[in-house]
Amino acid sequence: MNWNDVLLDGERILWEARPAPRCFVFRQWPQALFGAVFLLLCLVWQVWGVAVARAHDATWAVWLPLPFVLLGLQLSVGRLVAARLEWPHVTYAITDHRLLVRCGLLRRRLLCLELNEMTGFRLNFQSENLGTLHVYREKERLRTLYCLEYPRRATDLLEQVLGKRNGSLPAE
């Protein structure tokens, strides 16, 4: 991963990673499940609309549920496909001054967070060596690093940053 275009003078990368692909895509499963149920209901509505249109010569009954069917497709399959297409463009880095996140599917973004703005973080494990890292300022979530493999490497660095700012390393 090439970060040279965004590094400041004298800044160096201490850690970098990419999200685990399957975890990054399937973190969308609750929304996709809701979308699948919604799509099923809309398809039933669509079939009913075709039957009504044939029986009563009401073409509007065919067209009315169509936007909802398309929305159901986007909520179910579309979210998973979009996450899979975005995955190659998502990278994370911690430098000696900032937390950097590259992301975006259609519009690529670089999200920067000065480490001195960070007041804490929370690590949610998906498995033993896979976790999602939430970075906070007070109670406000500033950044989320999804699906990190071996996330303790990143949290160890962030603990050092917080410890240096507070004058001592935090206790385990």
N, C-alpha and C. Protein backbone atom coordinates (compact mmCIF):
# COMPACT_ATOMS: atom_id res chain seq x y z
N MET A 1 0.84 -1.17 0.00
CA MET A 1 0.00 0.00 0.00
C MET A 1 0.89 1.23 0.00
N ASN A 2 0.62 2.11 -0.90
CA ASN A 2 1.44 3.30 -1.04
C ASN A 2 0.76 4.49 -0.37
N TRP A 3 1.36 4.98 0.67
CA TRP A 3 0.83 6.12 1.41
C TRP A 3 1.67 7.38 1.18
N ASN A 4 2.68 7.31 0.33
CA ASN A 4 3.61 8.43 0.16
C ASN A 4 2.92 9.73 -0.23
N ASP A 5 1.82 9.65 -0.97
CA ASP A 5 1.13 10.86 -1.41
C ASP A 5 0.38 11.58 -0.29
N VAL A 6 0.18 10.94 0.86
CA VAL A 6 -0.58 11.57 1.94
C VAL A 6 0.25 11.79 3.21
N LEU A 7 1.45 11.24 3.25
CA LEU A 7 2.28 11.41 4.45
C LEU A 7 2.84 12.82 4.53
N LEU A 8 2.87 13.35 5.74
CA LEU A 8 3.48 14.66 5.98
C LEU A 8 4.99 14.51 6.05
N ASP A 9 5.71 15.62 5.99
CA ASP A 9 7.17 15.57 6.09
C ASP A 9 7.58 14.96 7.43
N GLY A 10 8.42 13.94 7.37
CA GLY A 10 8.91 13.29 8.57
C GLY A 10 7.96 12.28 9.20
N GLU A 11 6.77 12.17 8.68
CA GLU A 11 5.79 11.22 9.22
C GLU A 11 6.13 9.82 8.71
N ARG A 12 5.98 8.83 9.59
CA ARG A 12 6.28 7.46 9.17
C ARG A 12 5.15 6.53 9.60
N ILE A 13 4.97 5.50 8.83
CA ILE A 13 3.91 4.53 9.09
C ILE A 13 4.38 3.52 10.12
N LEU A 14 3.57 3.33 11.16
CA LEU A 14 3.88 2.36 12.20
C LEU A 14 3.12 1.05 12.01
N TRP A 15 1.96 1.13 11.37
CA TRP A 15 1.12 -0.05 11.17
C TRP A 15 0.22 0.21 9.97
N GLU A 16 -0.03 -0.83 9.19
CA GLU A 16 -1.00 -0.72 8.10
C GLU A 16 -1.66 -2.07 7.88
N ALA A 17 -2.91 -2.03 7.38
CA ALA A 17 -3.66 -3.26 7.19
C ALA A 17 -4.80 -3.02 6.23
N ARG A 18 -5.40 -4.13 5.83
CA ARG A 18 -6.63 -4.13 5.03
C ARG A 18 -7.65 -4.98 5.78
N PRO A 19 -8.92 -4.74 5.55
CA PRO A 19 -9.92 -5.58 6.21
C PRO A 19 -9.93 -6.99 5.60
N ALA A 20 -10.32 -7.96 6.40
CA ALA A 20 -10.50 -9.32 5.91
C ALA A 20 -11.69 -9.31 4.96
N PRO A 21 -11.54 -9.86 3.75
CA PRO A 21 -12.58 -9.69 2.73
C PRO A 21 -13.95 -10.28 3.09
N ARG A 22 -14.00 -11.52 3.55
CA ARG A 22 -15.30 -12.12 3.86
C ARG A 22 -15.99 -11.39 5.00
N CYS A 23 -15.24 -11.04 6.01
CA CYS A 23 -15.81 -10.32 7.15
C CYS A 23 -16.32 -8.94 6.70
N PHE A 24 -15.54 -8.26 5.86
CA PHE A 24 -15.92 -6.92 5.39
C PHE A 24 -17.23 -6.96 4.60
N VAL A 25 -17.39 -7.99 3.78
CA VAL A 25 -18.61 -8.11 2.98
C VAL A 25 -19.78 -8.55 3.85
N PHE A 26 -19.58 -9.59 4.65
CA PHE A 26 -20.72 -10.17 5.36
C PHE A 26 -21.03 -9.47 6.68
N ARG A 27 -20.34 -8.36 6.98
CA ARG A 27 -20.76 -7.55 8.12
C ARG A 27 -22.10 -6.90 7.80
N GLN A 28 -22.50 -6.94 6.54
CA GLN A 28 -23.76 -6.38 6.08
C GLN A 28 -24.92 -7.37 6.22
N TRP A 29 -24.68 -8.56 6.77
CA TRP A 29 -25.71 -9.60 6.75
C TRP A 29 -27.02 -9.21 7.43
N PRO A 30 -27.05 -8.46 8.54
CA PRO A 30 -28.37 -8.14 9.12
C PRO A 30 -29.23 -7.30 8.17
N GLN A 31 -28.59 -6.32 7.51
CA GLN A 31 -29.33 -5.50 6.56
C GLN A 31 -29.74 -6.32 5.34
N ALA A 32 -28.85 -7.23 4.90
CA ALA A 32 -29.17 -8.07 3.75
C ALA A 32 -30.31 -9.03 4.08
N LEU A 33 -30.36 -9.53 5.30
CA LEU A 33 -31.45 -10.40 5.70
C LEU A 33 -32.77 -9.64 5.71
N PHE A 34 -32.76 -8.44 6.28
CA PHE A 34 -33.96 -7.60 6.24
C PHE A 34 -34.36 -7.32 4.79
N GLY A 35 -33.37 -7.00 3.95
CA GLY A 35 -33.64 -6.74 2.54
C GLY A 35 -34.23 -7.93 1.82
N ALA A 36 -33.78 -9.15 2.16
CA ALA A 36 -34.32 -10.35 1.53
C ALA A 36 -35.79 -10.56 1.91
N VAL A 37 -36.13 -10.34 3.17
CA VAL A 37 -37.52 -10.46 3.60
C VAL A 37 -38.37 -9.39 2.92
N PHE A 38 -37.87 -8.17 2.88
CA PHE A 38 -38.56 -7.07 2.22
C PHE A 38 -38.76 -7.38 0.74
N LEU A 39 -37.72 -7.91 0.09
CA LEU A 39 -37.80 -8.27 -1.33
C LEU A 39 -38.85 -9.35 -1.55
N LEU A 40 -38.88 -10.34 -0.70
CA LEU A 40 -39.87 -11.42 -0.83
C LEU A 40 -41.29 -10.86 -0.76
N LEU A 41 -41.54 -9.99 0.20
CA LEU A 41 -42.87 -9.38 0.33
C LEU A 41 -43.21 -8.54 -0.91
N CYS A 42 -42.23 -7.81 -1.41
CA CYS A 42 -42.47 -6.98 -2.59
C CYS A 42 -42.70 -7.83 -3.84
N LEU A 43 -42.04 -8.97 -3.93
CA LEU A 43 -42.28 -9.87 -5.06
C LEU A 43 -43.68 -10.46 -5.01
N VAL A 44 -44.15 -10.79 -3.81
CA VAL A 44 -45.54 -11.26 -3.66
C VAL A 44 -46.49 -10.15 -4.10
N TRP A 45 -46.21 -8.93 -3.69
CA TRP A 45 -47.01 -7.78 -4.09
C TRP A 45 -46.98 -7.62 -5.61
N GLN A 46 -45.82 -7.81 -6.21
CA GLN A 46 -45.66 -7.68 -7.66
C GLN A 46 -46.50 -8.74 -8.38
N VAL A 47 -46.46 -9.99 -7.92
CA VAL A 47 -47.27 -11.05 -8.52
C VAL A 47 -48.76 -10.73 -8.38
N TRP A 48 -49.15 -10.27 -7.22
CA TRP A 48 -50.53 -9.86 -6.99
C TRP A 48 -50.92 -8.73 -7.95
N GLY A 49 -50.00 -7.76 -8.15
CA GLY A 49 -50.26 -6.65 -9.06
C GLY A 49 -50.45 -7.11 -10.50
N VAL A 50 -49.68 -8.10 -10.94
CA VAL A 50 -49.85 -8.64 -12.29
C VAL A 50 -51.22 -9.29 -12.43
N ALA A 51 -51.62 -10.04 -11.40
CA ALA A 51 -52.94 -10.69 -11.43
C ALA A 51 -54.06 -9.66 -11.47
N VAL A 52 -53.95 -8.61 -10.68
CA VAL A 52 -54.96 -7.55 -10.68
C VAL A 52 -54.99 -6.84 -12.03
N ALA A 53 -53.84 -6.60 -12.61
CA ALA A 53 -53.78 -5.91 -13.91
C ALA A 53 -54.44 -6.74 -15.00
N ARG A 54 -54.25 -8.04 -14.96
CA ARG A 54 -54.89 -8.91 -15.97
C ARG A 54 -56.41 -8.95 -15.79
N ALA A 55 -56.83 -9.03 -14.53
CA ALA A 55 -58.26 -9.19 -14.26
C ALA A 55 -59.04 -7.89 -14.47
N HIS A 56 -58.44 -6.75 -14.15
CA HIS A 56 -59.19 -5.49 -14.16
C HIS A 56 -58.63 -4.45 -15.12
N ASP A 57 -57.72 -4.86 -15.97
CA ASP A 57 -57.10 -3.95 -16.94
C ASP A 57 -56.55 -2.70 -16.23
N ALA A 58 -55.78 -2.93 -15.16
CA ALA A 58 -55.18 -1.84 -14.37
C ALA A 58 -53.66 -1.98 -14.42
N THR A 59 -53.04 -1.37 -15.41
CA THR A 59 -51.58 -1.51 -15.56
C THR A 59 -50.82 -0.86 -14.41
N TRP A 60 -51.44 0.07 -13.73
CA TRP A 60 -50.78 0.72 -12.60
C TRP A 60 -50.43 -0.29 -11.51
N ALA A 61 -51.22 -1.37 -11.41
CA ALA A 61 -50.98 -2.39 -10.37
C ALA A 61 -49.69 -3.15 -10.62
N VAL A 62 -49.24 -3.18 -11.88
CA VAL A 62 -47.96 -3.82 -12.20
C VAL A 62 -46.81 -2.89 -11.85
N TRP A 63 -46.96 -1.60 -12.12
CA TRP A 63 -45.87 -0.63 -11.94
C TRP A 63 -45.70 -0.15 -10.51
N LEU A 64 -46.76 -0.16 -9.73
CA LEU A 64 -46.70 0.36 -8.36
C LEU A 64 -45.66 -0.34 -7.48
N PRO A 65 -45.60 -1.68 -7.43
CA PRO A 65 -44.61 -2.31 -6.54
C PRO A 65 -43.18 -2.36 -7.09
N LEU A 66 -43.00 -2.02 -8.37
CA LEU A 66 -41.68 -2.15 -8.99
C LEU A 66 -40.58 -1.36 -8.27
N PRO A 67 -40.77 -0.10 -7.87
CA PRO A 67 -39.70 0.59 -7.13
C PRO A 67 -39.35 -0.10 -5.81
N PHE A 68 -40.34 -0.71 -5.18
CA PHE A 68 -40.08 -1.40 -3.92
C PHE A 68 -39.31 -2.70 -4.15
N VAL A 69 -39.59 -3.36 -5.27
CA VAL A 69 -38.82 -4.56 -5.62
C VAL A 69 -37.36 -4.18 -5.86
N LEU A 70 -37.14 -3.07 -6.57
CA LEU A 70 -35.77 -2.60 -6.81
C LEU A 70 -35.08 -2.21 -5.51
N LEU A 71 -35.80 -1.58 -4.61
CA LEU A 71 -35.25 -1.24 -3.30
C LEU A 71 -34.90 -2.51 -2.53
N GLY A 72 -35.75 -3.52 -2.59
CA GLY A 72 -35.48 -4.80 -1.92
C GLY A 72 -34.23 -5.46 -2.49
N LEU A 73 -34.03 -5.38 -3.80
CA LEU A 73 -32.81 -5.92 -4.41
C LEU A 73 -31.58 -5.18 -3.90
N GLN A 74 -31.68 -3.87 -3.81
CA GLN A 74 -30.54 -3.08 -3.33
C GLN A 74 -30.25 -3.39 -1.88
N LEU A 75 -31.28 -3.52 -1.06
CA LEU A 75 -31.07 -3.79 0.37
C LEU A 75 -30.53 -5.20 0.62
N SER A 76 -30.90 -6.15 -0.21
CA SER A 76 -30.46 -7.53 0.02
C SER A 76 -29.14 -7.81 -0.68
N VAL A 77 -29.17 -7.97 -1.96
CA VAL A 77 -27.99 -8.34 -2.72
C VAL A 77 -27.08 -7.15 -2.98
N GLY A 78 -27.66 -5.99 -3.20
CA GLY A 78 -26.89 -4.80 -3.57
C GLY A 78 -25.88 -4.38 -2.52
N ARG A 79 -26.25 -4.47 -1.26
CA ARG A 79 -25.32 -4.08 -0.19
C ARG A 79 -24.11 -5.01 -0.14
N LEU A 80 -24.34 -6.30 -0.34
CA LEU A 80 -23.24 -7.26 -0.33
C LEU A 80 -22.31 -7.04 -1.53
N VAL A 81 -22.90 -6.81 -2.68
CA VAL A 81 -22.10 -6.57 -3.89
C VAL A 81 -21.30 -5.27 -3.75
N ALA A 82 -21.94 -4.23 -3.23
CA ALA A 82 -21.24 -2.95 -3.06
C ALA A 82 -20.07 -3.08 -2.08
N ALA A 83 -20.27 -3.82 -1.00
CA ALA A 83 -19.18 -4.02 -0.03
C ALA A 83 -18.03 -4.80 -0.67
N ARG A 84 -18.36 -5.80 -1.47
CA ARG A 84 -17.30 -6.59 -2.12
C ARG A 84 -16.54 -5.74 -3.14
N LEU A 85 -17.23 -4.86 -3.85
CA LEU A 85 -16.55 -3.99 -4.81
C LEU A 85 -15.73 -2.90 -4.13
N GLU A 86 -16.15 -2.49 -2.93
CA GLU A 86 -15.39 -1.47 -2.20
C GLU A 86 -14.14 -2.06 -1.55
N TRP A 87 -14.18 -3.31 -1.16
CA TRP A 87 -13.10 -3.92 -0.38
C TRP A 87 -11.69 -3.68 -0.93
N PRO A 88 -11.42 -3.81 -2.23
CA PRO A 88 -10.04 -3.60 -2.70
C PRO A 88 -9.51 -2.18 -2.47
N HIS A 89 -10.41 -1.24 -2.20
CA HIS A 89 -10.01 0.15 -2.05
C HIS A 89 -9.96 0.61 -0.60
N VAL A 90 -10.12 -0.32 0.34
CA VAL A 90 -10.13 0.03 1.76
C VAL A 90 -8.78 -0.37 2.37
N THR A 91 -8.09 0.61 2.94
CA THR A 91 -6.83 0.36 3.64
C THR A 91 -6.79 1.25 4.88
N TYR A 92 -6.06 0.78 5.88
CA TYR A 92 -5.91 1.50 7.14
C TYR A 92 -4.43 1.65 7.45
N ALA A 93 -4.09 2.76 8.11
CA ALA A 93 -2.71 2.95 8.56
C ALA A 93 -2.70 3.80 9.82
N ILE A 94 -1.73 3.52 10.67
CA ILE A 94 -1.44 4.37 11.82
C ILE A 94 -0.03 4.87 11.64
N THR A 95 0.12 6.18 11.66
CA THR A 95 1.45 6.79 11.57
C THR A 95 1.81 7.29 12.97
N ASP A 96 2.94 7.96 13.06
CA ASP A 96 3.32 8.50 14.36
C ASP A 96 2.50 9.75 14.72
N HIS A 97 1.65 10.25 13.78
CA HIS A 97 0.83 11.43 14.05
C HIS A 97 -0.66 11.23 13.79
N ARG A 98 -1.00 10.32 12.88
CA ARG A 98 -2.40 10.24 12.43
C ARG A 98 -2.86 8.80 12.24
N LEU A 99 -4.18 8.67 12.21
CA LEU A 99 -4.84 7.44 11.79
C LEU A 99 -5.40 7.73 10.40
N LEU A 100 -5.06 6.90 9.41
CA LEU A 100 -5.48 7.12 8.03
C LEU A 100 -6.38 5.99 7.58
N VAL A 101 -7.45 6.35 6.88
CA VAL A 101 -8.38 5.36 6.34
C VAL A 101 -8.67 5.75 4.89
N ARG A 102 -8.37 4.84 3.98
CA ARG A 102 -8.76 5.00 2.58
C ARG A 102 -9.98 4.12 2.35
N CYS A 103 -11.03 4.69 1.73
CA CYS A 103 -12.25 3.92 1.52
C CYS A 103 -13.04 4.54 0.38
N GLY A 104 -14.16 3.94 0.05
CA GLY A 104 -15.06 4.48 -0.95
C GLY A 104 -15.18 3.58 -2.16
N LEU A 105 -16.40 3.48 -2.65
CA LEU A 105 -16.65 2.66 -3.83
C LEU A 105 -16.60 3.53 -5.08
N LEU A 106 -17.49 4.48 -5.20
CA LEU A 106 -17.51 5.34 -6.38
C LEU A 106 -16.66 6.58 -6.19
N ARG A 107 -16.69 7.13 -4.98
CA ARG A 107 -15.90 8.31 -4.68
C ARG A 107 -14.88 7.92 -3.62
N ARG A 108 -13.63 7.84 -4.02
CA ARG A 108 -12.56 7.45 -3.09
C ARG A 108 -12.33 8.59 -2.09
N ARG A 109 -12.18 8.19 -0.82
CA ARG A 109 -11.97 9.18 0.23
C ARG A 109 -10.75 8.80 1.06
N LEU A 110 -10.12 9.81 1.59
CA LEU A 110 -9.06 9.62 2.58
C LEU A 110 -9.54 10.30 3.85
N LEU A 111 -9.69 9.52 4.90
CA LEU A 111 -10.13 10.05 6.19
C LEU A 111 -8.92 10.08 7.11
N CYS A 112 -8.63 11.25 7.65
CA CYS A 112 -7.47 11.42 8.53
C CYS A 112 -7.96 11.82 9.92
N LEU A 113 -7.32 11.27 10.92
CA LEU A 113 -7.64 11.62 12.29
C LEU A 113 -6.32 11.81 13.03
N GLU A 114 -6.14 13.00 13.55
CA GLU A 114 -4.94 13.25 14.35
C GLU A 114 -5.03 12.41 15.62
N LEU A 115 -3.93 11.76 15.97
CA LEU A 115 -3.94 10.89 17.14
C LEU A 115 -4.20 11.65 18.43
N ASN A 116 -3.83 12.93 18.45
CA ASN A 116 -4.08 13.70 19.67
C ASN A 116 -5.55 14.06 19.86
N GLU A 117 -6.38 13.86 18.83
CA GLU A 117 -7.83 14.06 18.96
C GLU A 117 -8.51 12.85 19.59
N MET A 118 -7.85 11.72 19.55
CA MET A 118 -8.43 10.46 20.02
C MET A 118 -8.37 10.40 21.55
N THR A 119 -9.49 10.00 22.17
CA THR A 119 -9.50 9.85 23.62
C THR A 119 -9.67 8.40 24.05
N GLY A 120 -10.06 7.52 23.12
CA GLY A 120 -10.23 6.12 23.47
C GLY A 120 -10.61 5.29 22.26
N PHE A 121 -10.71 4.00 22.49
CA PHE A 121 -11.12 3.08 21.42
C PHE A 121 -11.79 1.87 22.04
N ARG A 122 -12.53 1.16 21.20
CA ARG A 122 -13.17 -0.08 21.64
C ARG A 122 -12.95 -1.12 20.54
N LEU A 123 -12.56 -2.30 20.94
CA LEU A 123 -12.31 -3.39 20.01
C LEU A 123 -13.40 -4.45 20.20
N ASN A 124 -14.13 -4.72 19.13
CA ASN A 124 -15.15 -5.78 19.14
C ASN A 124 -14.61 -6.95 18.34
N PHE A 125 -14.50 -8.10 18.99
CA PHE A 125 -13.98 -9.29 18.30
C PHE A 125 -15.08 -10.01 17.54
N GLN A 126 -14.77 -10.41 16.29
CA GLN A 126 -15.63 -11.30 15.53
C GLN A 126 -15.17 -12.74 15.71
N SER A 127 -13.89 -12.92 15.93
CA SER A 127 -13.30 -14.22 16.24
C SER A 127 -12.03 -13.96 17.03
N GLU A 128 -11.26 -15.00 17.27
CA GLU A 128 -10.06 -14.85 18.10
C GLU A 128 -9.07 -13.84 17.53
N ASN A 129 -8.87 -13.85 16.22
CA ASN A 129 -7.89 -12.96 15.58
C ASN A 129 -8.52 -12.02 14.57
N LEU A 130 -9.77 -11.66 14.78
CA LEU A 130 -10.48 -10.79 13.86
C LEU A 130 -11.36 -9.85 14.67
N GLY A 131 -11.22 -8.55 14.43
CA GLY A 131 -11.99 -7.60 15.21
C GLY A 131 -12.23 -6.29 14.48
N THR A 132 -13.19 -5.53 14.97
CA THR A 132 -13.50 -4.21 14.45
C THR A 132 -13.15 -3.19 15.51
N LEU A 133 -12.42 -2.17 15.11
CA LEU A 133 -11.90 -1.16 16.03
C LEU A 133 -12.68 0.14 15.86
N HIS A 134 -13.25 0.65 16.96
CA HIS A 134 -13.96 1.93 16.97
C HIS A 134 -13.09 2.93 17.73
N VAL A 135 -12.82 4.07 17.11
CA VAL A 135 -11.99 5.10 17.72
C VAL A 135 -12.89 6.27 18.12
N TYR A 136 -12.69 6.77 19.34
CA TYR A 136 -13.57 7.78 19.93
C TYR A 136 -12.83 9.05 20.34
N ARG A 137 -13.60 10.15 20.36
CA ARG A 137 -13.23 11.38 21.05
C ARG A 137 -14.38 11.64 22.01
N GLU A 138 -14.07 11.55 23.29
CA GLU A 138 -15.09 11.58 24.34
C GLU A 138 -16.08 10.43 24.04
N LYS A 139 -17.34 10.75 23.77
CA LYS A 139 -18.31 9.69 23.48
C LYS A 139 -18.65 9.61 22.00
N GLU A 140 -18.03 10.45 21.21
CA GLU A 140 -18.31 10.50 19.77
C GLU A 140 -17.40 9.53 19.01
N ARG A 141 -18.01 8.63 18.23
CA ARG A 141 -17.22 7.71 17.42
C ARG A 141 -16.71 8.46 16.20
N LEU A 142 -15.39 8.51 16.05
CA LEU A 142 -14.78 9.25 14.96
C LEU A 142 -14.50 8.37 13.75
N ARG A 143 -13.99 7.18 13.97
CA ARG A 143 -13.63 6.27 12.87
C ARG A 143 -13.91 4.84 13.29
N THR A 144 -14.17 4.00 12.28
CA THR A 144 -14.32 2.57 12.50
C THR A 144 -13.43 1.85 11.50
N LEU A 145 -12.60 0.97 12.01
CA LEU A 145 -11.74 0.13 11.18
C LEU A 145 -12.33 -1.27 11.22
N TYR A 146 -12.99 -1.66 10.14
CA TYR A 146 -13.73 -2.91 10.10
C TYR A 146 -12.82 -4.11 9.84
N CYS A 147 -13.11 -5.20 10.50
CA CYS A 147 -12.60 -6.53 10.17
C CYS A 147 -11.08 -6.62 10.09
N LEU A 148 -10.41 -6.18 11.13
CA LEU A 148 -8.95 -6.25 11.18
C LEU A 148 -8.49 -7.63 11.59
N GLU A 149 -7.54 -8.18 10.85
CA GLU A 149 -6.92 -9.42 11.27
C GLU A 149 -5.81 -9.05 12.25
N TYR A 150 -5.72 -9.76 13.33
CA TYR A 150 -4.77 -9.48 14.41
C TYR A 150 -4.87 -8.02 14.86
N PRO A 151 -6.04 -7.62 15.35
CA PRO A 151 -6.27 -6.22 15.70
C PRO A 151 -5.45 -5.74 16.90
N ARG A 152 -4.92 -6.65 17.69
CA ARG A 152 -4.12 -6.24 18.86
C ARG A 152 -2.88 -5.45 18.45
N ARG A 153 -2.39 -5.67 17.25
CA ARG A 153 -1.22 -4.90 16.79
C ARG A 153 -1.58 -3.41 16.72
N ALA A 154 -2.77 -3.11 16.23
CA ALA A 154 -3.21 -1.71 16.15
C ALA A 154 -3.53 -1.16 17.53
N THR A 155 -4.22 -1.95 18.35
CA THR A 155 -4.61 -1.44 19.67
C THR A 155 -3.40 -1.23 20.57
N ASP A 156 -2.36 -2.05 20.42
CA ASP A 156 -1.14 -1.84 21.20
C ASP A 156 -0.52 -0.48 20.88
N LEU A 157 -0.50 -0.12 19.60
CA LEU A 157 0.03 1.20 19.21
C LEU A 157 -0.84 2.32 19.77
N LEU A 158 -2.15 2.17 19.67
CA LEU A 158 -3.04 3.21 20.17
C LEU A 158 -2.96 3.33 21.69
N GLU A 159 -2.76 2.22 22.39
CA GLU A 159 -2.57 2.27 23.85
C GLU A 159 -1.30 3.04 24.19
N GLN A 160 -0.25 2.84 23.41
CA GLN A 160 1.00 3.58 23.65
C GLN A 160 0.77 5.08 23.45
N VAL A 161 0.02 5.45 22.42
CA VAL A 161 -0.25 6.87 22.16
C VAL A 161 -1.04 7.47 23.32
N LEU A 162 -2.09 6.78 23.75
CA LEU A 162 -2.88 7.27 24.87
C LEU A 162 -2.07 7.30 26.16
N GLY A 163 -1.22 6.29 26.35
CA GLY A 163 -0.39 6.23 27.56
C GLY A 163 0.62 7.35 27.61
N LYS A 164 1.25 7.66 26.49
CA LYS A 164 2.22 8.77 26.45
C LYS A 164 1.54 10.09 26.74
N ARG A 165 0.34 10.26 26.23
CA ARG A 165 -0.38 11.51 26.46
C ARG A 165 -0.79 11.65 27.92
N ASN A 166 -1.14 10.53 28.55
CA ASN A 166 -1.55 10.55 29.96
C ASN A 166 -0.39 10.41 30.93
N GLY A 167 0.80 10.18 30.41
CA GLY A 167 1.97 10.09 31.26
C GLY A 167 2.37 8.69 31.65
N SER A 168 1.52 7.69 31.37
CA SER A 168 1.86 6.31 31.69
C SER A 168 1.08 5.40 30.77
N LEU A 169 1.55 4.19 30.61
CA LEU A 169 0.84 3.22 29.80
C LEU A 169 -0.37 2.71 30.55
N PRO A 170 -1.51 2.52 29.85
CA PRO A 170 -2.69 2.02 30.54
C PRO A 170 -2.51 0.60 31.02
N ALA A 171 -3.15 0.27 32.13
CA ALA A 171 -3.07 -1.09 32.68
C ALA A 171 -3.96 -2.01 31.88
N GLU A 172 -3.56 -3.26 31.81
CA GLU A 172 -4.35 -4.26 31.08
C GLU A 172 -5.55 -4.67 31.88
